Amino acid sequence: MPRRLRWLLPTLGVVYAFFGLSASKASGQDSYDVLITNGRVLDGMGNPWVRVDIGLRGDRIVALGELSGADAETVIDAQGLFVAPGFIDVHSHAAEGLSRAELRRAEPILAQGVTTVVLNPDGGGPWPLSEQRASYEAEGIGVNAVLMAGHGTIRREVMGLEDRPPSREELERMKSMMRAANEAGSFGLSSGLYYAPGSYADTEEVLALAREIRPGGVYTSHIRDEGDYTVGLLAAVDEVIRIAEEAKVSGIVTHMKALGPGNWGKVVPATIRIERARDRGVSVWADQYPYEASGTSITGALVPRWAQAGETMPGQPTPLQARLESPAERAKLRSEMLVNIARRGGAQTLQISRHQAEPSLEGRSLAEIAEERGVEPVDLALTLLERGGSGLVSFNMSEEDIAHVMRKDYTMTCSDGGLVAMGDGKPHPRYYGTFARKIARYVKDLRVVTLPHAIRSMTSLPAAVFRMADRGQIRVGAYADVVIFDLDRLTDRASYSDPHRLSEGVVHVFVNGEHAGPDVLSGRVLRPAE
């Protein structure tokens, strides 16, 4: 061997050992269901790509190496393409869509390269989880599903929208429901302490439920305040850290951001708090979507939580509807909504994403519509609430904050998106573009992070945090969740004005070893690793 090549041997030895490969060629007797050749393989662990062939058999990766002599039912030449583990969306609102026959194949999700979604975020989701699991397993789904128990769902089942601490008996019932969720295969507890009814709970209540999470489980939270609505961003991050530390679970500050111009830059001290906690051994993490706009309802964004509290009697107006009809309470509500509009940067930053009563408003800003109608934006918002509410896209984050959070090695990728029919409103483009956008914009264009860093945040990192057994890596023995993409073509096409557009550049997706296609429902409802 020429001397100039001898230095390669240790390097190749490390690469092959890491992947669990043999440096020898396939024997010719080897046979695979799928053989992927000539691809640039990213293992998901943050390592640079290597050129290696991959053999799939059944639902597993069974071989990695020089496999050119092998037989296979399907051979994919990935020359010029990248091969990676299927992406994992750790905060997805796709649960309802996956239950619908026309959506359960999850095409907009698969088109981004996503093969696994974590459902029931922000404290929401159906109850009981056993029925959600049974429904998906009976009907089939196009991607893997991870189920979380929703704190808000549990609280609502026991207490409705009451703004008070639970009685001892009520708390014991909620704890028993969390244990039942464990039995149904929940990976942990999600909370939405910014929203009602989660906002009515104190830390002790949430901590009591978090202590019932199975060993090794996860507590993920849309934190109590992402800006300066109540306790402030930093105190809200501290709350997640405390719950994770005292309950001995992994805590996630979900879709981490600093909301509103008055709070930009506060992600820096927030991440310092996370890093100090991690230094002392607390398992605390973050996730993030790569957009400068958030998405919620007009109620979630602008209505103070006191206005939603109370018992709803059958056939009677909801507490919020009753308060809208009361002149005194409407005046108080209007005053506080004015402040909340300002917090988010003004009415020009608020775009209607869905309003069933008047779809023509969708895609237009609150300021634009209000000016056209000769009313104040806050009064337009009150009218929209009276007419059933609306979805809202809120442009309230800074690019500097997005980049700061994204660079952290404890930050995972999420969409915070759902699964809706084509043409159904003008949802946030993250429903269709999140994972492609992170690579196209923040890897290729802005170079905020490297491609291996981005892929790790979408694959092995979330698999490790959530303890998804044998997911999130390209290695022998791992499940065959695999995405093959063209880096040059990979891009998000969904925009705020035209959101129903599939991402481009993902060439092939395999879910549990099956090639994703129009009639394929190869997703599974996962259970946490023991």
Protein backbone atom coordinates (compact mmCIF):
# COMPACT_ATOMS: atom_id res chain seq x y z
CA MET A 1 0.00 0.00 0.00
CA PRO A 2 1.35 3.45 -0.82
CA ARG A 3 2.58 5.29 2.27
CA ARG A 4 0.32 8.27 1.58
CA LEU A 5 -2.78 6.05 2.11
CA ARG A 6 -1.70 4.39 5.35
CA TRP A 7 -3.05 7.28 7.44
CA LEU A 8 -6.56 6.43 6.24
CA LEU A 9 -6.63 3.05 7.97
CA PRO A 10 -7.21 4.31 11.54
CA THR A 11 -9.85 6.76 10.31
CA LEU A 12 -11.72 4.11 8.37
CA GLY A 13 -11.45 1.77 11.32
CA VAL A 14 -13.15 4.30 13.58
CA VAL A 15 -15.90 4.96 11.02
CA TYR A 16 -16.62 1.27 10.48
CA ALA A 17 -16.53 0.52 14.21
CA PHE A 18 -18.96 3.37 14.90
CA PHE A 19 -21.48 2.18 12.37
CA GLY A 20 -21.04 -1.45 13.39
CA LEU A 21 -19.80 -2.27 9.89
CA SER A 22 -17.57 -4.85 8.40
CA ALA A 23 -15.03 -3.51 5.96
CA SER A 24 -15.47 -6.56 3.73
CA LYS A 25 -17.69 -6.65 0.68
CA ALA A 26 -21.05 -8.42 0.59
CA SER A 27 -20.70 -12.15 -0.06
CA GLY A 28 -23.08 -12.41 -2.97
CA GLN A 29 -25.32 -14.64 -0.89
CA ASP A 30 -26.61 -11.67 1.08
CA SER A 31 -30.13 -10.64 0.21
CA TYR A 32 -32.11 -7.59 1.29
CA ASP A 33 -35.55 -6.19 0.79
CA VAL A 34 -34.04 -2.78 0.02
CA LEU A 35 -30.46 -1.89 -0.82
CA ILE A 36 -29.45 1.78 -0.75
CA THR A 37 -26.14 2.36 -2.51
CA ASN A 38 -23.73 5.26 -3.12
CA GLY A 39 -25.40 7.64 -0.67
CA ARG A 40 -23.73 10.13 1.65
CA VAL A 41 -24.85 8.68 4.96
CA LEU A 42 -25.40 10.86 8.03
CA ASP A 43 -25.68 8.58 11.06
CA GLY A 44 -27.78 11.05 13.10
CA MET A 45 -25.17 11.38 15.84
CA GLY A 46 -23.69 14.62 14.55
CA ASN A 47 -20.85 12.98 12.61
CA PRO A 48 -19.84 14.01 9.09
CA TRP A 49 -21.28 11.91 6.29
CA VAL A 50 -19.61 8.77 5.00
CA ARG A 51 -20.26 6.88 1.78
CA VAL A 52 -21.66 3.51 2.73
CA ASP A 53 -24.33 1.11 1.45
CA ILE A 54 -27.35 0.22 3.59
CA GLY A 55 -29.30 -3.04 3.58
CA LEU A 56 -32.86 -3.16 4.90
CA ARG A 57 -34.71 -6.36 5.73
CA GLY A 58 -38.16 -6.32 7.25
CA ASP A 59 -38.42 -3.33 9.57
CA ARG A 60 -34.71 -3.09 10.42
CA ILE A 61 -31.37 -1.92 9.09
CA VAL A 62 -29.44 -5.18 8.88
CA ALA A 63 -26.23 -4.28 7.05
CA LEU A 64 -23.94 -1.34 6.44
CA GLY A 65 -20.79 -1.47 4.38
CA GLU A 66 -19.65 -2.32 0.86
CA LEU A 67 -22.72 -4.25 -0.32
CA SER A 68 -22.35 -4.02 -4.09
CA GLY A 69 -22.44 -7.81 -4.47
CA ALA A 70 -25.73 -8.26 -2.64
CA ASP A 71 -29.15 -9.14 -4.04
CA ALA A 72 -32.18 -7.02 -3.21
CA GLU A 73 -35.79 -6.75 -4.24
CA THR A 74 -35.38 -2.98 -4.53
CA VAL A 75 -32.14 -1.13 -5.21
CA ILE A 76 -31.96 2.62 -4.77
CA ASP A 77 -28.94 4.39 -6.22
CA ALA A 78 -28.49 7.39 -3.91
CA GLN A 79 -25.60 8.87 -5.84
CA GLY A 80 -25.46 12.60 -5.06
CA LEU A 81 -28.06 12.25 -2.30
CA PHE A 82 -27.91 12.25 1.48
CA VAL A 83 -29.26 9.40 3.58
CA ALA A 84 -30.29 10.01 7.20
CA PRO A 85 -32.49 8.57 9.91
CA GLY A 86 -36.14 9.56 9.54
CA PHE A 87 -36.78 12.90 11.22
CA ILE A 88 -38.58 13.07 14.57
CA ASP A 89 -40.99 15.93 15.31
CA VAL A 90 -41.05 16.30 19.10
CA HIS A 91 -44.05 18.67 19.23
CA SER A 92 -46.81 17.91 16.75
CA HIS A 93 -50.52 18.75 16.68
CA ALA A 94 -51.20 16.06 14.06
CA ALA A 95 -53.24 13.82 16.40
CA GLU A 96 -56.66 14.79 15.08
CA GLY A 97 -55.54 14.64 11.45
CA LEU A 98 -54.09 11.16 11.88
CA SER A 99 -57.52 9.99 13.00
CA ARG A 100 -59.11 11.07 9.70
CA ALA A 101 -59.14 8.68 6.76
CA GLU A 102 -58.18 11.36 4.22
CA LEU A 103 -55.21 12.60 6.27
CA ARG A 104 -53.83 9.62 8.17
CA ARG A 105 -51.20 8.87 5.52
CA ALA A 106 -49.60 12.17 6.65
CA GLU A 107 -48.30 13.28 3.25
CA PRO A 108 -47.26 16.83 4.33
CA ILE A 109 -45.29 15.32 7.20
CA LEU A 110 -43.60 12.63 5.12
CA ALA A 111 -42.72 15.21 2.44
CA GLN A 112 -40.50 16.88 5.05
CA GLY A 113 -38.74 13.59 5.83
CA VAL A 114 -40.51 13.15 9.18
CA THR A 115 -41.23 9.54 10.17
CA THR A 116 -42.18 9.98 13.86
CA VAL A 117 -44.36 12.58 15.61
CA VAL A 118 -44.79 13.25 19.33
CA LEU A 119 -48.48 13.96 19.90
CA ASN A 120 -50.74 15.65 22.48
CA PRO A 121 -48.49 18.67 23.24
CA ASP A 122 -49.27 21.81 25.26
CA GLY A 123 -51.22 19.79 27.83
CA GLY A 124 -53.82 18.75 25.25
CA GLY A 125 -54.98 15.63 23.49
CA PRO A 126 -57.81 13.13 23.89
CA TRP A 127 -58.70 10.97 26.85
CA PRO A 128 -58.22 8.13 27.50
CA LEU A 129 -54.93 7.47 25.77
CA SER A 130 -55.78 3.80 25.46
CA GLU A 131 -58.57 4.70 23.03
CA GLN A 132 -56.32 6.97 20.99
CA ARG A 133 -53.77 4.16 20.72
CA ALA A 134 -56.41 1.57 19.81
CA SER A 135 -57.88 3.82 17.12
CA TYR A 136 -54.54 4.43 15.41
CA GLU A 137 -53.61 0.77 15.57
CA ALA A 138 -56.95 -0.32 14.14
CA GLU A 139 -57.13 2.22 11.30
CA GLY A 140 -53.42 2.61 10.51
CA ILE A 141 -51.24 5.72 10.31
CA GLY A 142 -48.54 6.81 7.88
CA VAL A 143 -45.95 7.81 10.49
CA ASN A 144 -44.92 6.57 13.91
CA ALA A 145 -46.72 8.17 16.84
CA VAL A 146 -45.50 8.87 20.36
CA LEU A 147 -48.29 9.62 22.83
CA MET A 148 -48.04 12.08 25.71
CA ALA A 149 -50.56 12.58 28.50
CA GLY A 150 -51.87 16.15 28.60
CA HIS A 151 -51.95 17.91 31.97
CA GLY A 152 -54.65 20.27 30.70
CA THR A 153 -56.73 17.33 29.47
CA ILE A 154 -56.44 15.58 32.83
CA ARG A 155 -57.28 18.76 34.75
CA ARG A 156 -60.25 19.53 32.53
CA GLU A 157 -61.61 15.99 32.99
CA VAL A 158 -61.50 16.43 36.77
CA MET A 159 -62.08 20.17 37.30
CA GLY A 160 -63.33 21.70 34.07
CA LEU A 161 -62.13 25.30 33.68
CA GLU A 162 -62.15 26.08 37.39
CA ASP A 163 -59.47 28.59 38.40
CA ARG A 164 -58.56 27.13 41.79
CA PRO A 165 -56.28 24.50 43.34
CA PRO A 166 -57.57 20.93 43.28
CA SER A 167 -58.92 19.31 46.40
CA ARG A 168 -56.98 16.39 47.81
CA GLU A 169 -59.44 13.99 46.20
CA GLU A 170 -59.23 15.77 42.83
CA LEU A 171 -55.43 15.70 42.89
CA GLU A 172 -55.44 11.98 43.69
CA ARG A 173 -57.77 11.38 40.76
CA MET A 174 -55.46 13.32 38.44
CA LYS A 175 -52.47 11.32 39.66
CA SER A 176 -54.32 8.07 39.03
CA MET A 177 -55.09 9.25 35.49
CA MET A 178 -51.38 9.87 34.92
CA ARG A 179 -50.65 6.32 36.07
CA ALA A 180 -53.32 5.04 33.68
CA ALA A 181 -51.60 6.99 30.88
CA ASN A 182 -48.35 5.21 31.76
CA GLU A 183 -50.12 1.89 31.36
CA ALA A 184 -51.39 3.00 27.94
CA GLY A 185 -47.81 3.65 26.81
CA SER A 186 -47.46 7.38 27.42
CA PHE A 187 -43.91 8.67 27.14
CA GLY A 188 -44.63 11.32 29.76
CA LEU A 189 -46.62 14.44 30.58
CA SER A 190 -47.12 17.55 28.46
CA SER A 191 -48.33 20.84 29.88
CA GLY A 192 -49.53 24.14 28.49
CA LEU A 193 -49.19 26.42 31.49
CA TYR A 194 -49.68 29.47 29.29
CA TYR A 195 -53.15 28.25 28.29
CA ALA A 196 -56.37 27.54 30.18
CA PRO A 197 -56.83 25.35 32.14
CA GLY A 198 -53.11 24.68 32.65
CA SER A 199 -52.52 28.29 33.70
CA TYR A 200 -54.84 27.78 36.68
CA ALA A 201 -52.49 25.14 38.13
CA ASP A 202 -49.63 26.01 40.44
CA THR A 203 -46.23 24.38 40.22
CA GLU A 204 -46.99 21.98 43.06
CA GLU A 205 -49.93 20.50 41.17
CA VAL A 206 -47.89 19.92 38.02
CA LEU A 207 -45.01 18.54 40.08
CA ALA A 208 -47.36 16.05 41.75
CA LEU A 209 -48.37 14.68 38.34
CA ALA A 210 -44.80 14.75 37.03
CA ARG A 211 -43.76 12.50 39.91
CA GLU A 212 -46.18 9.90 38.52
CA ILE A 213 -44.42 9.81 35.13
CA ARG A 214 -42.85 6.43 34.47
CA PRO A 215 -39.10 6.16 35.26
CA GLY A 216 -37.08 7.74 32.47
CA GLY A 217 -40.06 9.65 31.16
CA VAL A 218 -40.41 13.18 29.87
CA TYR A 219 -42.10 16.37 31.02
CA THR A 220 -42.51 18.81 28.12
CA SER A 221 -44.04 22.23 28.64
CA HIS A 222 -45.36 25.16 26.69
CA ILE A 223 -44.08 27.26 29.54
CA ARG A 224 -46.15 29.56 31.72
CA ASP A 225 -44.84 32.70 30.05
CA GLU A 226 -42.76 33.16 26.90
CA GLY A 227 -42.57 36.93 27.32
CA ASP A 228 -43.92 39.23 30.02
CA TYR A 229 -47.57 38.24 30.34
CA THR A 230 -47.34 36.92 33.93
CA VAL A 231 -44.24 35.52 35.63
CA GLY A 232 -41.90 36.29 32.73
CA LEU A 233 -39.79 34.06 30.51
CA LEU A 234 -36.96 33.38 32.94
CA ALA A 235 -39.19 32.34 35.84
CA ALA A 236 -41.13 30.09 33.48
CA VAL A 237 -37.93 28.34 32.37
CA ASP A 238 -36.94 27.96 36.02
CA GLU A 239 -40.27 26.22 36.64
CA VAL A 240 -39.49 23.53 34.05
CA ILE A 241 -36.04 23.05 35.56
CA ARG A 242 -37.50 22.67 39.05
CA ILE A 243 -40.10 20.12 37.92
CA ALA A 244 -37.50 18.10 36.01
CA GLU A 245 -35.10 18.14 38.94
CA GLU A 246 -37.54 17.30 41.72
CA ALA A 247 -39.57 14.74 39.75
CA LYS A 248 -36.38 13.18 38.35
CA VAL A 249 -37.59 13.28 34.76
CA SER A 250 -36.33 14.91 31.57
CA GLY A 251 -37.78 18.40 31.19
CA ILE A 252 -38.24 20.17 27.85
CA VAL A 253 -38.82 23.89 27.32
CA THR A 254 -40.92 23.44 24.24
CA HIS A 255 -40.78 25.65 21.13
CA MET A 256 -38.41 27.91 23.04
CA LYS A 257 -38.60 31.58 22.17
CA ALA A 258 -38.76 35.12 23.53
CA LEU A 259 -42.15 36.45 22.50
CA GLY A 260 -42.53 40.11 21.54
CA PRO A 261 -39.97 42.86 20.79
CA GLY A 262 -39.81 43.86 24.45
CA ASN A 263 -38.41 40.44 25.31
CA TRP A 264 -35.97 39.84 22.48
CA GLY A 265 -32.57 38.83 23.80
CA LYS A 266 -33.93 37.12 26.91
CA VAL A 267 -33.24 33.72 25.36
CA VAL A 268 -29.60 34.30 26.32
CA PRO A 269 -30.18 34.29 30.11
CA ALA A 270 -32.80 31.57 29.59
CA THR A 271 -30.24 29.29 27.96
CA ILE A 272 -27.73 30.11 30.68
CA ARG A 273 -30.25 28.86 33.23
CA ILE A 274 -30.66 25.63 31.27
CA GLU A 275 -26.91 25.15 31.00
CA ARG A 276 -26.35 25.74 34.72
CA ALA A 277 -29.03 23.17 35.50
CA ARG A 278 -27.48 20.68 33.09
CA ASP A 279 -24.08 21.27 34.69
CA ARG A 280 -25.47 20.11 38.04
CA GLY A 281 -27.05 17.04 36.48
CA VAL A 282 -30.61 18.10 35.64
CA SER A 283 -31.92 16.50 32.43
CA VAL A 284 -33.37 19.62 30.81
CA TRP A 285 -33.67 20.32 27.08
CA ALA A 286 -35.31 22.62 24.55
CA ASP A 287 -37.06 22.33 21.23
CA GLN A 288 -37.72 24.93 18.56
CA TYR A 289 -39.37 25.58 15.21
CA PRO A 290 -37.40 27.62 12.64
CA TYR A 291 -39.83 30.50 12.07
CA GLU A 292 -40.10 34.10 13.23
CA ALA A 293 -43.86 33.78 13.72
CA SER A 294 -45.79 31.71 16.22
CA GLY A 295 -49.28 30.34 15.76
CA THR A 296 -52.17 30.04 18.18
CA SER A 297 -55.78 31.13 18.53
CA ILE A 298 -56.94 34.68 19.03
CA THR A 299 -58.07 33.52 22.48
CA GLY A 300 -54.65 32.10 23.30
CA ALA A 301 -52.80 35.18 22.11
CA LEU A 302 -54.96 38.03 23.37
CA VAL A 303 -57.54 36.94 25.95
CA PRO A 304 -56.48 37.00 29.62
CA ARG A 305 -57.03 33.66 31.33
CA TRP A 306 -59.42 34.99 33.99
CA ALA A 307 -61.93 35.61 31.18
CA GLN A 308 -62.05 31.89 30.32
CA ALA A 309 -62.41 30.55 33.85
CA GLY A 310 -65.60 29.06 35.21
CA GLU A 311 -68.09 26.28 34.78
CA THR A 312 -69.96 25.83 31.50
CA MET A 313 -73.53 24.65 31.95
CA PRO A 314 -75.26 22.67 29.18
CA GLY A 315 -77.11 24.99 26.84
CA GLN A 316 -75.60 28.09 28.43
CA PRO A 317 -72.94 30.51 27.11
CA THR A 318 -69.33 29.73 27.97
CA PRO A 319 -67.73 31.91 30.66
CA LEU A 320 -65.94 33.89 27.93
CA GLN A 321 -69.15 34.41 25.96
CA ALA A 322 -70.93 35.60 29.10
CA ARG A 323 -68.15 38.07 29.85
CA LEU A 324 -68.28 39.42 26.31
CA GLU A 325 -71.96 40.15 26.91
CA SER A 326 -71.33 41.99 30.18
CA PRO A 327 -70.50 45.70 29.56
CA ALA A 328 -68.27 45.97 32.63
CA GLU A 329 -66.34 42.77 32.01
CA ARG A 330 -66.12 43.46 28.28
CA ALA A 331 -64.51 46.83 29.07
CA LYS A 332 -61.99 45.16 31.38
CA LEU A 333 -61.31 42.49 28.77
CA ARG A 334 -60.84 45.11 26.05
CA SER A 335 -58.33 47.01 28.18
CA GLU A 336 -56.20 43.93 28.79
CA MET A 337 -56.40 42.80 25.18
CA LEU A 338 -55.01 46.18 24.11
CA VAL A 339 -51.95 45.50 26.24
CA ASN A 340 -51.59 42.00 24.80
CA ILE A 341 -51.75 43.30 21.22
CA ALA A 342 -48.92 45.71 22.06
CA ARG A 343 -46.93 42.88 23.69
CA ARG A 344 -46.91 41.03 20.40
CA GLY A 345 -45.68 44.02 18.43
CA GLY A 346 -48.99 45.57 17.35
CA ALA A 347 -51.99 44.59 15.27
CA GLN A 348 -49.95 44.63 12.04
CA THR A 349 -48.03 41.57 13.32
CA LEU A 350 -51.20 39.48 13.81
CA GLN A 351 -52.49 37.54 10.80
CA ILE A 352 -55.78 35.65 10.70
CA SER A 353 -55.08 32.03 9.82
CA ARG A 354 -58.58 30.60 10.13
CA HIS A 355 -62.05 32.06 10.67
CA GLN A 356 -64.90 29.78 9.71
CA ALA A 357 -67.56 32.49 9.79
CA GLU A 358 -65.70 34.64 7.25
CA PRO A 359 -62.91 32.80 5.39
CA SER A 360 -62.11 35.88 3.30
CA LEU A 361 -60.29 37.29 6.34
CA GLU A 362 -57.74 34.48 6.30
CA GLY A 363 -54.21 35.55 5.43
CA ARG A 364 -54.84 39.22 6.31
CA SER A 365 -53.58 41.18 9.31
CA LEU A 366 -55.76 42.40 12.13
CA ALA A 367 -54.58 45.95 11.41
CA GLU A 368 -55.44 45.76 7.70
CA ILE A 369 -58.96 44.43 8.29
CA ALA A 370 -59.63 46.91 11.10
CA GLU A 371 -58.58 49.86 8.93
CA GLU A 372 -60.76 48.64 6.07
CA ARG A 373 -63.77 48.46 8.41
CA GLY A 374 -63.06 51.68 10.26
CA VAL A 375 -62.75 50.08 13.68
CA GLU A 376 -60.02 49.68 16.26
CA PRO A 377 -58.09 46.39 15.97
CA VAL A 378 -59.02 45.41 19.53
CA ASP A 379 -62.72 45.85 18.74
CA LEU A 380 -62.33 43.73 15.62
CA ALA A 381 -60.70 41.06 17.80
CA LEU A 382 -63.65 41.18 20.20
CA THR A 383 -66.06 40.78 17.29
CA LEU A 384 -64.11 37.77 16.01
CA LEU A 385 -64.32 36.22 19.48
CA GLU A 386 -68.09 36.72 19.48
CA ARG A 387 -68.27 34.96 16.12
CA GLY A 388 -66.46 31.84 17.28
CA GLY A 389 -62.86 32.98 17.48
CA SER A 390 -60.10 32.53 14.92
CA GLY A 391 -56.65 31.15 14.38
CA LEU A 392 -53.79 33.61 14.51
CA VAL A 393 -50.24 33.76 13.15
CA SER A 394 -48.19 36.16 15.26
CA PHE A 395 -44.91 37.64 13.98
CA ASN A 396 -43.14 38.12 17.29
CA MET A 397 -39.65 36.54 17.32
CA SER A 398 -36.20 37.78 16.31
CA GLU A 399 -33.81 35.98 13.99
CA GLU A 400 -30.96 36.51 16.46
CA ASP A 401 -32.90 34.65 19.14
CA ILE A 402 -33.80 31.83 16.74
CA ALA A 403 -30.13 31.37 15.82
CA HIS A 404 -28.99 31.48 19.45
CA VAL A 405 -31.35 28.72 20.53
CA MET A 406 -30.74 26.63 17.41
CA ARG A 407 -26.98 26.45 18.00
CA LYS A 408 -27.39 24.76 21.38
CA ASP A 409 -26.56 21.07 21.38
CA TYR A 410 -29.56 20.38 23.65
CA THR A 411 -32.09 21.91 21.22
CA MET A 412 -34.33 19.55 19.25
CA THR A 413 -36.42 20.39 16.20
CA CYS A 414 -40.20 20.56 16.26
CA SER A 415 -42.95 21.88 14.02
CA ASP A 416 -45.74 22.81 16.45
CA GLY A 417 -47.78 22.13 13.32
CA GLY A 418 -50.82 20.03 12.61
CA LEU A 419 -52.26 18.03 9.76
CA VAL A 420 -55.06 19.68 7.80
CA ALA A 421 -56.75 19.23 4.45
CA MET A 422 -55.39 21.13 1.48
CA GLY A 423 -57.15 24.49 1.28
CA ASP A 424 -58.37 24.39 4.89
CA GLY A 425 -57.69 27.95 6.04
CA LYS A 426 -54.25 29.55 5.88
CA PRO A 427 -52.39 27.73 8.65
CA HIS A 428 -48.87 28.50 9.74
CA PRO A 429 -46.46 27.26 7.03
CA ARG A 430 -44.73 25.10 9.64
CA TYR A 431 -47.45 22.51 8.99
CA TYR A 432 -45.78 21.84 5.63
CA GLY A 433 -42.25 23.17 5.80
CA THR A 434 -40.51 23.00 9.18
CA PHE A 435 -37.82 20.38 8.64
CA ALA A 436 -37.02 21.35 5.06
CA ARG A 437 -36.87 25.00 6.10
CA LYS A 438 -34.40 24.38 8.92
CA ILE A 439 -31.96 22.81 6.48
CA ALA A 440 -32.64 25.13 3.54
CA ARG A 441 -32.54 28.39 5.47
CA TYR A 442 -30.43 27.81 8.56
CA VAL A 443 -27.94 25.27 7.17
CA LYS A 444 -27.57 26.20 3.51
CA ASP A 445 -28.43 29.91 3.35
CA LEU A 446 -27.56 31.43 6.74
CA ARG A 447 -25.10 28.77 7.93
CA VAL A 448 -26.32 29.06 11.49
CA VAL A 449 -25.65 25.35 12.08
CA THR A 450 -23.99 22.57 10.09
CA LEU A 451 -25.91 19.82 8.36
CA PRO A 452 -24.77 17.11 10.84
CA HIS A 453 -25.82 19.37 13.74
CA ALA A 454 -29.27 19.94 12.22
CA ILE A 455 -29.78 16.25 11.44
CA ARG A 456 -28.81 15.26 15.00
CA SER A 457 -31.39 17.73 16.37
CA MET A 458 -34.04 15.93 14.29
CA THR A 459 -32.99 12.31 14.89
CA SER A 460 -30.73 10.78 17.54
CA LEU A 461 -31.17 13.60 20.06
CA PRO A 462 -34.98 13.39 20.32
CA ALA A 463 -34.80 9.58 20.18
CA ALA A 464 -32.43 9.61 23.15
CA VAL A 465 -34.38 12.20 25.17
CA PHE A 466 -37.69 10.38 24.70
CA ARG A 467 -36.07 6.93 24.91
CA MET A 468 -37.39 5.73 21.59
CA ALA A 469 -35.74 2.34 21.34
CA ASP A 470 -33.64 1.81 18.18
CA ARG A 471 -34.83 5.00 16.48
CA GLY A 472 -33.00 8.07 15.27
CA GLN A 473 -29.80 6.44 14.01
CA ILE A 474 -28.41 4.75 10.94
CA ARG A 475 -26.85 1.64 12.46
CA VAL A 476 -27.25 -2.10 12.26
CA GLY A 477 -30.23 -3.16 14.37
CA ALA A 478 -32.03 0.18 14.24
CA TYR A 479 -35.54 0.43 12.84
CA ALA A 480 -35.54 1.23 9.15
CA ASP A 481 -36.90 4.77 9.40
CA VAL A 482 -34.84 6.34 6.64
CA VAL A 483 -34.99 9.54 4.60
CA ILE A 484 -33.11 10.14 1.36
CA PHE A 485 -32.91 13.75 0.21
CA ASP A 486 -31.33 15.98 -2.38
CA LEU A 487 -29.62 18.75 -0.43
CA ASP A 488 -29.51 21.07 -3.44
CA ARG A 489 -33.27 20.77 -3.99
CA LEU A 490 -34.40 20.53 -0.38
CA THR A 491 -36.60 23.51 0.38
CA ASP A 492 -39.84 24.55 2.02
CA ARG A 493 -42.41 25.90 -0.42
CA ALA A 494 -45.08 26.82 2.12
CA SER A 495 -45.38 30.53 2.86
CA TYR A 496 -47.57 32.61 5.17
CA SER A 497 -49.71 33.67 2.22
CA ASP A 498 -49.72 30.27 0.49
CA PRO A 499 -49.14 27.63 3.19
CA HIS A 500 -50.63 24.52 1.56
CA ARG A 501 -47.52 23.59 -0.41
CA LEU A 502 -45.50 20.42 0.13
CA SER A 503 -41.77 20.64 0.74
CA GLU A 504 -39.45 19.58 -2.06
CA GLY A 505 -36.21 17.62 -2.17
CA VAL A 506 -37.11 14.54 -0.13
CA VAL A 507 -36.70 11.72 -2.66
CA HIS A 508 -37.50 8.60 -0.62
CA VAL A 509 -38.87 7.92 2.86
CA PHE A 510 -39.03 4.55 4.60
CA VAL A 511 -41.14 4.01 7.72
CA ASN A 512 -40.37 0.75 9.52
CA GLY A 513 -38.78 -0.56 6.35
CA GLU A 514 -41.71 0.20 4.04
CA HIS A 515 -41.42 2.73 1.26
CA ALA A 516 -43.88 5.56 1.89
CA GLY A 517 -46.54 5.75 -0.80
CA PRO A 518 -50.19 6.62 -1.45
CA ASP A 519 -51.62 3.44 0.09
CA VAL A 520 -48.97 2.75 2.73
CA LEU A 521 -49.79 3.02 6.43
CA SER A 522 -46.67 1.59 8.01
CA GLY A 523 -46.49 3.83 11.06
CA ARG A 524 -46.72 2.40 14.56
CA VAL A 525 -47.83 3.71 17.93
CA LEU A 526 -44.58 3.45 19.85
CA ARG A 527 -44.00 2.47 23.44
CA PRO A 528 -41.18 3.85 25.58
CA ALA A 529 -38.05 1.81 26.06
CA GLU A 530 -37.93 -0.03 29.37
